[in-house]
PDB file of N, CA and C in Angstrom:
ATOM      1  N   UNK A   1       1.011  -1.196   0.161  1.00  0.00           N
ATOM      2  CA  UNK A   1       0.071   0.140  -0.123  1.00  0.00           C
ATOM      3  C   UNK A   1       0.819   1.215   0.119  1.00  0.00           C
ATOM      4  N   UNK A   2       0.639   2.355  -1.163  1.00  0.00           N
ATOM      5  CA  UNK A   2       1.485   3.502  -0.815  1.00  0.00           C
ATOM      6  C   UNK A   2       0.747   4.547  -0.331  1.00  0.00           C
ATOM      7  N   UNK A   3       1.571   5.590   0.381  1.00  0.00           N
ATOM      8  CA  UNK A   3       0.975   6.419   0.953  1.00  0.00           C
ATOM      9  C   UNK A   3       0.744   7.604   0.224  1.00  0.00           C
ATOM     10  N   UNK A   4      -0.303   8.069   0.293  1.00  0.00           N
ATOM     11  CA  UNK A   4      -1.323   8.906  -0.485  1.00  0.00           C
ATOM     12  C   UNK A   4      -0.777  10.310  -0.294  1.00  0.00           C
ATOM     13  N   UNK A   5      -0.335  10.709   1.036  1.00  0.00           N
ATOM     14  CA  UNK A   5       0.423  11.895   1.327  1.00  0.00           C
ATOM     15  C   UNK A   5       1.726  11.904   0.473  1.00  0.00           C
ATOM     16  N   UNK A   6       2.331  11.247   0.231  1.00  0.00           N
ATOM     17  CA  UNK A   6       3.854  10.951  -0.728  1.00  0.00           C
ATOM     18  C   UNK A   6       3.288  12.029  -1.958  1.00  0.00           C
ATOM     19  N   UNK A   7       2.312  11.947  -2.642  1.00  0.00           N
ATOM     20  CA  UNK A   7       2.128  12.356  -3.604  1.00  0.00           C
ATOM     21  C   UNK A   7       1.452  14.015  -3.349  1.00  0.00           C
ATOM     22  N   UNK A   8       0.687  14.025  -2.682  1.00  0.00           N
ATOM     23  CA  UNK A   8       0.329  15.291  -2.016  1.00  0.00           C
ATOM     24  C   UNK A   8       1.339  16.601  -1.854  1.00  0.00           C
ATOM     25  N   UNK A   9       2.299  15.907  -1.044  1.00  0.00           N
ATOM     26  CA  UNK A   9       3.426  16.698  -0.542  1.00  0.00           C
ATOM     27  C   UNK A   9       4.640  16.956  -1.477  1.00  0.00           C
ATOM     28  N   UNK A  10       4.746  16.140  -2.966  1.00  0.00           N
ATOM     29  CA  UNK A  10       5.629  16.116  -3.405  1.00  0.00           C
ATOM     30  C   UNK A  10       6.147  17.629  -4.132  1.00  0.00           C
ATOM     31  N   UNK A  11       5.252  18.479  -4.144  1.00  0.00           N
ATOM     32  CA  UNK A  11       5.791  19.905  -4.534  1.00  0.00           C
ATOM     33  C   UNK A  11       6.559  20.407  -3.609  1.00  0.00           C
ATOM     34  N   UNK A  12       6.525  19.871  -2.261  1.00  0.00           N
ATOM     35  CA  UNK A  12       7.046  20.651  -1.289  1.00  0.00           C
ATOM     36  C   UNK A  12       8.084  20.081  -0.650  1.00  0.00           C
ATOM     37  N   UNK A  13       9.461  20.759  -0.494  1.00  0.00           N
ATOM     38  CA  UNK A  13      10.426  19.978   0.141  1.00  0.00           C
ATOM     39  C   UNK A  13      10.584  20.107   1.783  1.00  0.00           C
ATOM     40  N   UNK A  14      11.289  19.805   2.564  1.00  0.00           N
ATOM     41  CA  UNK A  14      11.716  20.219   3.922  1.00  0.00           C
ATOM     42  C   UNK A  14      12.050  21.589   4.213  1.00  0.00           C
ATOM     43  N   UNK A  15      12.919  22.157   3.023  1.00  0.00           N
ATOM     44  CA  UNK A  15      13.104  23.493   3.257  1.00  0.00           C
ATOM     45  C   UNK A  15      12.180  24.585   2.356  1.00  0.00           C
ATOM     46  N   UNK A  16      11.064  24.309   2.047  1.00  0.00           N
ATOM     47  CA  UNK A  16      10.376  25.098   1.307  1.00  0.00           C
ATOM     48  C   UNK A  16       9.215  25.754   2.190  1.00  0.00           C
ATOM     49  N   UNK A  17       8.612  26.811   1.762  1.00  0.00           N
ATOM     50  CA  UNK A  17       7.479  27.403   2.653  1.00  0.00           C
ATOM     51  C   UNK A  17       6.045  27.026   1.909  1.00  0.00           C
ATOM     52  N   UNK A  18       5.365  26.171   2.332  1.00  0.00           N
ATOM     53  CA  UNK A  18       4.130  26.022   1.688  1.00  0.00           C
ATOM     54  C   UNK A  18       3.322  27.105   1.475  1.00  0.00           C
ATOM     55  N   UNK A  19       3.053  28.028   2.070  1.00  0.00           N
ATOM     56  CA  UNK A  19       2.442  29.163   1.541  1.00  0.00           C
ATOM     57  C   UNK A  19       2.793  30.191   0.667  1.00  0.00           C
ATOM     58  N   UNK A  20       4.197  30.093   0.596  1.00  0.00           N
ATOM     59  CA  UNK A  20       4.853  30.901  -0.651  1.00  0.00           C
ATOM     60  C   UNK A  20       4.785  30.096  -1.563  1.00  0.00           C
ATOM     61  N   UNK A  21       4.957  28.702  -1.659  1.00  0.00           N
ATOM     62  CA  UNK A  21       4.925  27.719  -2.897  1.00  0.00           C
ATOM     63  C   UNK A  21       3.443  27.665  -3.450  1.00  0.00           C
ATOM     64  N   UNK A  22       2.622  27.983  -2.636  1.00  0.00           N
ATOM     65  CA  UNK A  22       0.854  27.815  -3.219  1.00  0.00           C
ATOM     66  C   UNK A  22       0.729  29.077  -3.496  1.00  0.00           C
ATOM     67  N   UNK A  23       1.604  30.307  -3.394  1.00  0.00           N
ATOM     68  CA  UNK A  23       1.113  31.827  -3.560  1.00  0.00           C
ATOM     69  C   UNK A  23      -0.259  32.044  -2.998  1.00  0.00           C
ATOM     70  N   UNK A  24      -0.277  31.868  -1.692  1.00  0.00           N
ATOM     71  CA  UNK A  24      -1.419  32.372  -1.127  1.00  0.00           C
ATOM     72  C   UNK A  24      -0.975  33.512   0.118  1.00  0.00           C
ATOM     73  N   UNK A  25      -2.123  33.918   0.800  1.00  0.00           N
ATOM     74  CA  UNK A  25      -1.902  35.110   1.508  1.00  0.00           C
ATOM     75  C   UNK A  25      -1.120  36.281   1.294  1.00  0.00           C
ATOM     76  N   UNK A  26       0.336  36.549   1.449  1.00  0.00           N
ATOM     77  CA  UNK A  26       1.209  37.652   1.125  1.00  0.00           C
ATOM     78  C   UNK A  26       1.818  37.609  -0.092  1.00  0.00           C
ATOM     79  N   UNK A  27       1.994  36.149  -0.467  1.00  0.00           N
ATOM     80  CA  UNK A  27       2.555  35.912  -1.706  1.00  0.00           C
ATOM     81  C   UNK A  27       1.720  35.896  -2.905  1.00  0.00           C
ATOM     82  N   UNK A  28       0.540  36.404  -2.777  1.00  0.00           N
ATOM     83  CA  UNK A  28      -0.299  36.037  -3.838  1.00  0.00           C
ATOM     84  C   UNK A  28      -0.195  37.532  -4.729  1.00  0.00           C
ATOM     85  N   UNK A  29      -0.327  37.116  -6.182  1.00  0.00           N
ATOM     86  CA  UNK A  29      -0.179  38.467  -7.018  1.00  0.00           C
ATOM     87  C   UNK A  29      -1.555  39.294  -6.497  1.00  0.00           C
ATOM     88  N   UNK A  30      -0.967  40.827  -6.598  1.00  0.00           N
ATOM     89  CA  UNK A  30      -2.156  41.862  -6.330  1.00  0.00           C
ATOM     90  C   UNK A  30      -2.249  42.711  -7.624  1.00  0.00           C
ATOM     91  N   UNK A  31      -3.524  43.034  -7.934  1.00  0.00           N
ATOM     92  CA  UNK A  31      -3.696  44.014  -8.623  1.00  0.00           C
ATOM     93  C   UNK A  31      -4.413  45.259  -8.277  1.00  0.00           C
ATOM     94  N   UNK A  32      -3.962  46.052  -8.015  1.00  0.00           N
ATOM     95  CA  UNK A  32      -4.755  47.752  -7.657  1.00  0.00           C
ATOM     96  C   UNK A  32      -5.075  48.258  -8.718  1.00  0.00           C
ATOM     97  N   UNK A  33      -6.312  48.918  -8.615  1.00  0.00           N
ATOM     98  CA  UNK A  33      -7.150  49.872  -9.323  1.00  0.00           C
ATOM     99  C   UNK A  33      -7.041  51.224  -9.036  1.00  0.00           C
ATOM    100  N   UNK A  34      -6.726  51.637  -7.797  1.00  0.00           N
ATOM    101  CA  UNK A  34      -6.507  52.933  -7.439  1.00  0.00           C
ATOM    102  C   UNK A  34      -5.404  53.388  -6.311  1.00  0.00           C
ATOM    103  N   UNK A  35      -5.193  54.094  -6.208  1.00  0.00           N
ATOM    104  CA  UNK A  35      -4.059  54.415  -5.298  1.00  0.00           C
ATOM    105  C   UNK A  35      -4.496  54.341  -4.053  1.00  0.00           C
ATOM    106  N   UNK A  36      -5.371  54.675  -3.497  1.00  0.00           N
ATOM    107  CA  UNK A  36      -5.992  54.443  -2.242  1.00  0.00           C
ATOM    108  C   UNK A  36      -6.011  52.997  -2.113  1.00  0.00           C
ATOM    109  N   UNK A  37      -6.641  51.947  -2.556  1.00  0.00           N
ATOM    110  CA  UNK A  37      -6.375  50.463  -2.567  1.00  0.00           C
ATOM    111  C   UNK A  37      -5.139  50.165  -2.369  1.00  0.00           C
ATOM    112  N   UNK A  38      -4.050  50.928  -3.006  1.00  0.00           N
ATOM    113  CA  UNK A  38      -2.513  50.110  -2.887  1.00  0.00           C
ATOM    114  C   UNK A  38      -2.236  50.759  -1.507  1.00  0.00           C
ATOM    115  N   UNK A  39      -2.627  52.027  -1.119  1.00  0.00           N
ATOM    116  CA  UNK A  39      -1.884  52.392   0.143  1.00  0.00           C
ATOM    117  C   UNK A  39      -2.493  52.046   1.121  1.00  0.00           C
ATOM    118  N   UNK A  40      -3.826  51.627   0.999  1.00  0.00           N
ATOM    119  CA  UNK A  40      -4.392  50.476   2.338  1.00  0.00           C
ATOM    120  C   UNK A  40      -3.533  49.498   2.359  1.00  0.00           C
ATOM    121  N   UNK A  41      -3.439  48.517   1.384  1.00  0.00           N
ATOM    122  CA  UNK A  41      -2.453  47.601   1.246  1.00  0.00           C
ATOM    123  C   UNK A  41      -1.104  47.565   1.965  1.00  0.00           C
ATOM    124  N   UNK A  42      -0.450  48.793   1.219  1.00  0.00           N
ATOM    125  CA  UNK A  42       0.897  49.011   1.846  1.00  0.00           C
ATOM    126  C   UNK A  42       0.779  49.341   3.361  1.00  0.00           C
ATOM    127  N   UNK A  43      -0.030  49.926   3.771  1.00  0.00           N
ATOM    128  CA  UNK A  43      -0.008  50.143   5.589  1.00  0.00           C
ATOM    129  C   UNK A  43      -0.245  49.141   6.172  1.00  0.00           C
ATOM    130  N   UNK A  44      -0.935  48.215   5.662  1.00  0.00           N
ATOM    131  CA  UNK A  44      -1.255  46.739   6.325  1.00  0.00           C
ATOM    132  C   UNK A  44       0.414  45.386   6.228  1.00  0.00           C
ATOM    133  N   UNK A  45       0.784  45.623   5.115  1.00  0.00           N
ATOM    134  CA  UNK A  45       1.829  44.676   4.705  1.00  0.00           C
ATOM    135  C   UNK A  45       3.373  45.254   5.077  1.00  0.00           C
ATOM    136  N   UNK A  46       3.521  46.707   5.210  1.00  0.00           N
ATOM    137  CA  UNK A  46       4.559  47.165   5.462  1.00  0.00           C
ATOM    138  C   UNK A  46       5.422  46.343   6.476  1.00  0.00           C
ATOM    139  N   UNK A  47       4.677  46.308   7.837  1.00  0.00           N
ATOM    140  CA  UNK A  47       5.467  45.556   8.918  1.00  0.00           C
ATOM    141  C   UNK A  47       5.537  44.319   8.832  1.00  0.00           C
ATOM    142  N   UNK A  48       4.738  43.653   7.836  1.00  0.00           N
ATOM    143  CA  UNK A  48       4.859  41.997   7.336  1.00  0.00           C
ATOM    144  C   UNK A  48       6.347  41.965   6.613  1.00  0.00           C
ATOM    145  N   UNK A  49       6.571  42.700   5.498  1.00  0.00           N
ATOM    146  CA  UNK A  49       7.434  42.685   4.710  1.00  0.00           C
ATOM    147  C   UNK A  49       8.697  43.028   5.521  1.00  0.00           C
ATOM    148  N   UNK A  50       8.458  43.839   6.080  1.00  0.00           N
ATOM    149  CA  UNK A  50      10.053  44.081   7.237  1.00  0.00           C
ATOM    150  C   UNK A  50      10.117  43.672   8.218  1.00  0.00           C
ATOM    151  N   UNK A  51       9.237  42.405   8.476  1.00  0.00           N
ATOM    152  CA  UNK A  51       9.585  41.801   9.711  1.00  0.00           C
ATOM    153  C   UNK A  51       9.781  42.329  10.690  1.00  0.00           C
ATOM    154  N   UNK A  52       8.578  43.162  11.294  1.00  0.00           N
ATOM    155  CA  UNK A  52       8.621  44.323  12.490  1.00  0.00           C
ATOM    156  C   UNK A  52       7.178  44.131  12.903  1.00  0.00           C
ATOM    157  N   UNK A  53       7.003  44.644  14.048  1.00  0.00           N
ATOM    158  CA  UNK A  53       5.324  44.951  14.357  1.00  0.00           C
ATOM    159  C   UNK A  53       4.525  45.717  13.933  1.00  0.00           C
ATOM    160  N   UNK A  54       5.449  47.140  13.997  1.00  0.00           N
ATOM    161  CA  UNK A  54       4.449  48.349  13.349  1.00  0.00           C
ATOM    162  C   UNK A  54       5.358  48.780  12.157  1.00  0.00           C
ATOM    163  N   UNK A  55       4.628  49.610  11.501  1.00  0.00           N
ATOM    164  CA  UNK A  55       5.831  50.612  10.525  1.00  0.00           C
ATOM    165  C   UNK A  55       6.733  51.084  11.412  1.00  0.00           C
ATOM    166  N   UNK A  56       8.118  51.227  11.240  1.00  0.00           N
ATOM    167  CA  UNK A  56       8.942  51.932  11.862  1.00  0.00           C
ATOM    168  C   UNK A  56       8.876  52.968  11.801  1.00  0.00           C
ATOM    169  N   UNK A  57       9.622  53.810  13.212  1.00  0.00           N
ATOM    170  CA  UNK A  57       9.389  55.420  13.342  1.00  0.00           C
ATOM    171  C   UNK A  57      10.562  56.030  12.290  1.00  0.00           C
ATOM    172  N   UNK A  58      11.317  54.918  11.699  1.00  0.00           N
ATOM    173  CA  UNK A  58      12.308  55.669  10.955  1.00  0.00           C
ATOM    174  C   UNK A  58      12.285  55.276   9.498  1.00  0.00           C
ATOM    175  N   UNK A  59      11.383  55.019   9.217  1.00  0.00           N
ATOM    176  CA  UNK A  59      10.991  54.389   7.668  1.00  0.00           C
ATOM    177  C   UNK A  59      11.270  55.467   6.827  1.00  0.00           C
ATOM    178  N   UNK A  60      10.928  56.949   7.330  1.00  0.00           N
ATOM    179  CA  UNK A  60      11.314  57.947   6.567  1.00  0.00           C
ATOM    180  C   UNK A  60      12.910  58.566   6.728  1.00  0.00           C
ATOM    181  N   UNK A  61      13.454  58.606   5.707  1.00  0.00           N
ATOM    182  CA  UNK A  61      15.042  59.204   6.064  1.00  0.00           C
ATOM    183  C   UNK A  61      14.947  60.767   6.467  1.00  0.00           C
ATOM    184  N   UNK A  62      15.835  61.462   6.368  1.00  0.00           N
ATOM    185  CA  UNK A  62      15.767  62.802   6.547  1.00  0.00           C
ATOM    186  C   UNK A  62      15.436  63.497   5.578  1.00  0.00           C
ATOM    187  N   UNK A  63      15.625  63.186   4.309  1.00  0.00           N
ATOM    188  CA  UNK A  63      15.073  63.399   3.289  1.00  0.00           C
ATOM    189  C   UNK A  63      13.692  63.390   2.981  1.00  0.00           C
ATOM    190  N   UNK A  64      13.313  62.683   3.621  1.00  0.00           N
ATOM    191  CA  UNK A  64      11.681  62.481   3.463  1.00  0.00           C
ATOM    192  C   UNK A  64      11.406  61.448   2.726  1.00  0.00           C
ATOM    193  N   UNK A  65      12.150  60.686   2.238  1.00  0.00           N
ATOM    194  CA  UNK A  65      11.753  59.349   1.552  1.00  0.00           C
ATOM    195  C   UNK A  65      12.064  58.087   2.286  1.00  0.00           C
ATOM    196  N   UNK A  66      11.425  57.156   1.326  1.00  0.00           N
ATOM    197  CA  UNK A  66      11.658  55.805   2.237  1.00  0.00           C
ATOM    198  C   UNK A  66      12.993  55.272   2.418  1.00  0.00           C
ATOM    199  N   UNK A  67      13.512  55.228   3.568  1.00  0.00           N
ATOM    200  CA  UNK A  67      14.623  54.915   4.259  1.00  0.00           C
ATOM    201  C   UNK A  67      15.326  54.131   3.393  1.00  0.00           C
ATOM    202  N   UNK A  68      16.561  53.913   2.726  1.00  0.00           N
ATOM    203  CA  UNK A  68      17.284  52.834   2.049  1.00  0.00           C
ATOM    204  C   UNK A  68      17.359  51.454   2.680  1.00  0.00           C
ATOM    205  N   UNK A  69      17.111  51.632   3.891  1.00  0.00           N
ATOM    206  CA  UNK A  69      17.441  50.368   4.831  1.00  0.00           C
ATOM    207  C   UNK A  69      16.219  49.513   4.445  1.00  0.00           C
ATOM    208  N   UNK A  70      15.075  50.415   4.288  1.00  0.00           N
ATOM    209  CA  UNK A  70      13.850  49.436   4.047  1.00  0.00           C
ATOM    210  C   UNK A  70      13.583  49.471   2.451  1.00  0.00           C
ATOM    211  N   UNK A  71      13.880  50.018   1.870  1.00  0.00           N
ATOM    212  CA  UNK A  71      13.340  50.558   0.409  1.00  0.00           C
ATOM    213  C   UNK A  71      13.693  49.303  -0.206  1.00  0.00           C
ATOM    214  N   UNK A  72      14.795  48.643  -0.253  1.00  0.00           N
ATOM    215  CA  UNK A  72      15.201  47.541  -0.934  1.00  0.00           C
ATOM    216  C   UNK A  72      13.931  46.245  -0.600  1.00  0.00           C
ATOM    217  N   UNK A  73      13.883  46.158   0.623  1.00  0.00           N
ATOM    218  CA  UNK A  73      12.894  44.941   0.876  1.00  0.00           C
ATOM    219  C   UNK A  73      11.478  45.058   0.163  1.00  0.00           C
ATOM    220  N   UNK A  74      11.009  46.579   0.589  1.00  0.00           N
ATOM    221  CA  UNK A  74       9.960  46.798  -0.115  1.00  0.00           C
ATOM    222  C   UNK A  74       9.688  46.386  -1.913  1.00  0.00           C
ATOM    223  N   UNK A  75      10.784  47.291  -2.239  1.00  0.00           N
ATOM    224  CA  UNK A  75      10.857  47.297  -3.863  1.00  0.00           C
ATOM    225  C   UNK A  75      11.012  45.659  -4.321  1.00  0.00           C
ATOM    226  N   UNK A  76      11.674  44.752  -3.576  1.00  0.00           N
ATOM    227  CA  UNK A  76      11.579  43.779  -4.093  1.00  0.00           C
ATOM    228  C   UNK A  76      10.442  43.056  -4.140  1.00  0.00           C
ATOM    229  N   UNK A  77       9.713  42.925  -2.882  1.00  0.00           N
ATOM    230  CA  UNK A  77       8.280  42.627  -2.898  1.00  0.00           C
ATOM    231  C   UNK A  77       7.380  43.051  -3.723  1.00  0.00           C
ATOM    232  N   UNK A  78       7.250  44.394  -4.014  1.00  0.00           N
ATOM    233  CA  UNK A  78       6.478  44.967  -5.045  1.00  0.00           C
ATOM    234  C   UNK A  78       6.486  44.558  -6.374  1.00  0.00           C
ATOM    235  N   UNK A  79       7.742  44.760  -6.957  1.00  0.00           N
ATOM    236  CA  UNK A  79       7.961  44.393  -8.188  1.00  0.00           C
ATOM    237  C   UNK A  79       7.754  42.482  -8.501  1.00  0.00           C
ATOM    238  N   UNK A  80       7.603  42.058  -7.610  1.00  0.00           N
ATOM    239  CA  UNK A  80       7.250  40.687  -7.970  1.00  0.00           C
ATOM    240  C   UNK A  80       5.737  40.265  -7.843  1.00  0.00           C
ATOM    241  N   UNK A  81       5.336  41.273  -6.829  1.00  0.00           N
ATOM    242  CA  UNK A  81       3.823  40.574  -6.238  1.00  0.00           C
ATOM    243  C   UNK A  81       2.766  41.622  -6.603  1.00  0.00           C
ATOM    244  N   UNK A  82       2.858  42.946  -6.837  1.00  0.00           N
ATOM    245  CA  UNK A  82       2.079  43.992  -7.345  1.00  0.00           C
ATOM    246  C   UNK A  82       1.998  44.595  -8.599  1.00  0.00           C
ATOM    247  N   UNK A  83       0.853  44.823  -9.038  1.00  0.00           N
ATOM    248  CA  UNK A  83       0.435  45.587 -10.338  1.00  0.00           C
ATOM    249  C   UNK A  83      -0.297  46.509 -10.117  1.00  0.00           C
ATOM    250  N   UNK A  84      -0.458  47.390 -11.044  1.00  0.00           N
ATOM    251  CA  UNK A  84      -1.417  48.392 -10.764  1.00  0.00           C
ATOM    252  C   UNK A  84      -1.853  48.579 -12.011  1.00  0.00           C
ATOM    253  N   UNK A  85      -3.508  48.508 -12.244  1.00  0.00           N
ATOM    254  CA  UNK A  85      -4.290  48.366 -13.554  1.00  0.00           C
ATOM    255  C   UNK A  85      -3.589  47.567 -14.278  1.00  0.00           C
ATOM    256  N   UNK A  86      -3.449  46.294 -13.868  1.00  0.00           N
ATOM    257  CA  UNK A  86      -2.976  44.953 -14.674  1.00  0.00           C
ATOM    258  C   UNK A  86      -1.476  45.624 -15.336  1.00  0.00           C
ATOM    259  N   UNK A  87      -0.622  46.197 -14.858  1.00  0.00           N
ATOM    260  CA  UNK A  87       0.800  46.594 -15.465  1.00  0.00           C
ATOM    261  C   UNK A  87       1.579  46.497 -14.068  1.00  0.00           C
ATOM    262  N   UNK A  88       2.677  45.507 -14.277  1.00  0.00           N
ATOM    263  CA  UNK A  88       3.251  45.233 -13.611  1.00  0.00           C
ATOM    264  C   UNK A  88       4.310  46.515 -13.006  1.00  0.00           C
ATOM    265  N   UNK A  89       4.531  46.814 -11.454  1.00  0.00           N
ATOM    266  CA  UNK A  89       5.223  47.773 -10.880  1.00  0.00           C
ATOM    267  C   UNK A  89       6.795  47.802 -11.825  1.00  0.00           C
ATOM    268  N   UNK A  90       7.344  46.639 -11.856  1.00  0.00           N
ATOM    269  CA  UNK A  90       8.560  46.176 -12.496  1.00  0.00           C
ATOM    270  C   UNK A  90       8.888  46.617 -13.943  1.00  0.00           C
ATOM    271  N   UNK A  91       7.638  46.684 -14.687  1.00  0.00           N
ATOM    272  CA  UNK A  91       8.008  47.155 -15.767  1.00  0.00           C
ATOM    273  C   UNK A  91       8.376  48.635 -16.155  1.00  0.00           C
ATOM    274  N   UNK A  92       7.798  49.276 -15.164  1.00  0.00           N
ATOM    275  CA  UNK A  92       8.410  50.730 -15.625  1.00  0.00           C
ATOM    276  C   UNK A  92       7.398  51.619 -16.001  1.00  0.00           C
ATOM    277  N   UNK A  93       6.419  51.180 -16.617  1.00  0.00           N
ATOM    278  CA  UNK A  93       5.617  51.740 -17.182  1.00  0.00           C
ATOM    279  C   UNK A  93       3.958  52.079 -16.538  1.00  0.00           C
ATOM    280  N   UNK A  94       3.998  51.653 -15.503  1.00  0.00           N
ATOM    281  CA  UNK A  94       2.982  51.739 -14.171  1.00  0.00           C
ATOM    282  C   UNK A  94       3.035  53.105 -13.916  1.00  0.00           C
ATOM    283  N   UNK A  95       1.783  53.489 -13.548  1.00  0.00           N
ATOM    284  CA  UNK A  95       1.422  54.836 -13.035  1.00  0.00           C
ATOM    285  C   UNK A  95       2.010  54.690 -11.810  1.00  0.00           C
ATOM    286  N   UNK A  96       2.222  53.800 -11.044  1.00  0.00           N
ATOM    287  CA  UNK A  96       2.534  54.053  -9.550  1.00  0.00           C
ATOM    288  C   UNK A  96       4.112  53.304  -9.669  1.00  0.00           C
ATOM    289  N   UNK A  97       4.762  53.449 -10.695  1.00  0.00           N
ATOM    290  CA  UNK A  97       5.942  53.087 -10.882  1.00  0.00           C
ATOM    291  C   UNK A  97       6.963  53.416  -9.715  1.00  0.00           C
ATOM    292  N   UNK A  98       6.726  54.610  -9.318  1.00  0.00           N
ATOM    293  CA  UNK A  98       7.535  55.556  -8.521  1.00  0.00           C
ATOM    294  C   UNK A  98       6.698  55.422  -7.149  1.00  0.00           C
ATOM    295  N   UNK A  99       6.448  54.077  -6.747  1.00  0.00           N
ATOM    296  CA  UNK A  99       5.525  53.808  -5.463  1.00  0.00           C
ATOM    297  C   UNK A  99       6.157  54.487  -4.334  1.00  0.00           C
ATOM    298  N   UNK A 100       7.655  54.695  -4.365  1.00  0.00           N
ATOM    299  CA  UNK A 100       8.076  55.377  -3.410  1.00  0.00           C
ATOM    300  C   UNK A 100       7.879  56.859  -3.029  1.00  0.00           C
ATOM    301  N   UNK A 101       7.504  57.294  -4.315  1.00  0.00           N
ATOM    302  CA  UNK A 101       6.841  59.037  -3.860  1.00  0.00           C
ATOM    303  C   UNK A 101       5.771  58.737  -3.398  1.00  0.00           C
ATOM    304  N   UNK A 102       4.505  57.927  -3.654  1.00  0.00           N
ATOM    305  CA  UNK A 102       3.390  57.379  -3.235  1.00  0.00           C
ATOM    306  C   UNK A 102       3.219  57.476  -1.860  1.00  0.00           C
ATOM    307  N   UNK A 103       4.098  56.243  -1.168  1.00  0.00           N
ATOM    308  CA  UNK A 103       4.184  55.838  -0.054  1.00  0.00           C
ATOM    309  C   UNK A 103       4.803  57.155   1.039  1.00  0.00           C
ATOM    310  N   UNK A 104       5.917  57.574   0.436  1.00  0.00           N
ATOM    311  CA  UNK A 104       6.545  58.487   1.125  1.00  0.00           C
ATOM    312  C   UNK A 104       5.819  59.812   1.623  1.00  0.00           C
ATOM    313  N   UNK A 105       5.108  60.220   0.464  1.00  0.00           N
ATOM    314  CA  UNK A 105       4.039  61.261   0.713  1.00  0.00           C
ATOM    315  C   UNK A 105       3.039  61.078   1.652  1.00  0.00           C
ATOM    316  N   UNK A 106       2.381  59.982   1.514  1.00  0.00           N
ATOM    317  CA  UNK A 106       1.380  59.389   2.244  1.00  0.00           C
ATOM    318  C   UNK A 106       1.803  59.276   4.077  1.00  0.00           C
ATOM    319  N   UNK A 107       2.969  58.510   4.187  1.00  0.00           N
ATOM    320  CA  UNK A 107       3.463  58.488   5.374  1.00  0.00           C
ATOM    321  C   UNK A 107       4.021  60.066   6.248  1.00  0.00           C
ATOM    322  N   UNK A 108       4.490  60.839   4.994  1.00  0.00           N
ATOM    323  CA  UNK A 108       4.795  62.452   5.693  1.00  0.00           C
ATOM    324  C   UNK A 108       3.418  62.971   6.046  1.00  0.00           C
ATOM    325  N   UNK A 109       2.347  62.812   5.042  1.00  0.00           N
ATOM    326  CA  UNK A 109       0.873  63.463   5.710  1.00  0.00           C
ATOM    327  C   UNK A 109       0.130  62.859   6.804  1.00  0.00           C
ATOM    328  N   UNK A 110       0.594  61.541   7.166  1.00  0.00           N
ATOM    329  CA  UNK A 110      -0.124  60.526   7.989  1.00  0.00           C
ATOM    330  C   UNK A 110       0.800  60.468   9.060  1.00  0.00           C
ATOM    331  N   UNK A 111       1.635  60.826   9.800  1.00  0.00           N
ATOM    332  CA  UNK A 111       2.229  60.783  10.664  1.00  0.00           C
ATOM    333  C   UNK A 111       2.080  59.725  11.969  1.00  0.00           C
ATOM    334  N   UNK A 112       0.806  59.667  11.940  1.00  0.00           N
ATOM    335  CA  UNK A 112       0.174  58.834  13.043  1.00  0.00           C
ATOM    336  C   UNK A 112       0.346  57.143  12.561  1.00  0.00           C
ATOM    337  N   UNK A 113       0.417  57.106  11.469  1.00  0.00           N
ATOM    338  CA  UNK A 113       0.598  55.768  10.982  1.00  0.00           C
ATOM    339  C   UNK A 113       2.177  54.915  11.563  1.00  0.00           C
ATOM    340  N   UNK A 114       2.973  56.002  11.395  1.00  0.00           N
ATOM    341  CA  UNK A 114       4.194  55.515  11.919  1.00  0.00           C
ATOM    342  C   UNK A 114       4.604  55.323  13.002  1.00  0.00           C
TER     343      UNK A 114
END
C-alpha cells in the first residue's frame, strides 16, 4: 500500500515554505485599481514585509523618502507581487511605478501611521 500523502506533498521540500509555494496570503499576486487601495494594502503589509510589529518610526529618512534600509525589501516584494491596473510595477510603465513617492508622501501626511 502506497501512502497518498507522498503524492500530495511532492511539490514541497523540507526547506520550502508551503504558503509561499502555493502563492497564497502575502505572496499572492495583487492588482490594484486605485492609489487608495494600494496605500491601504501598503499600510497593512509594510510591517510584515519588514518583519517588524509596526511601521518603523525611522521608515522615512531625513530627506523625507523611504529609508534605503527598508526600500530594497519593499521594492523586491512590490516588483514581484504587485501590479497597478494590470501593469507590473517592475515594467516601469505603471502609473505608480514610483511607489516610493506615493508611499513616502502618504507617510509624511499621516504621521500617526508611523
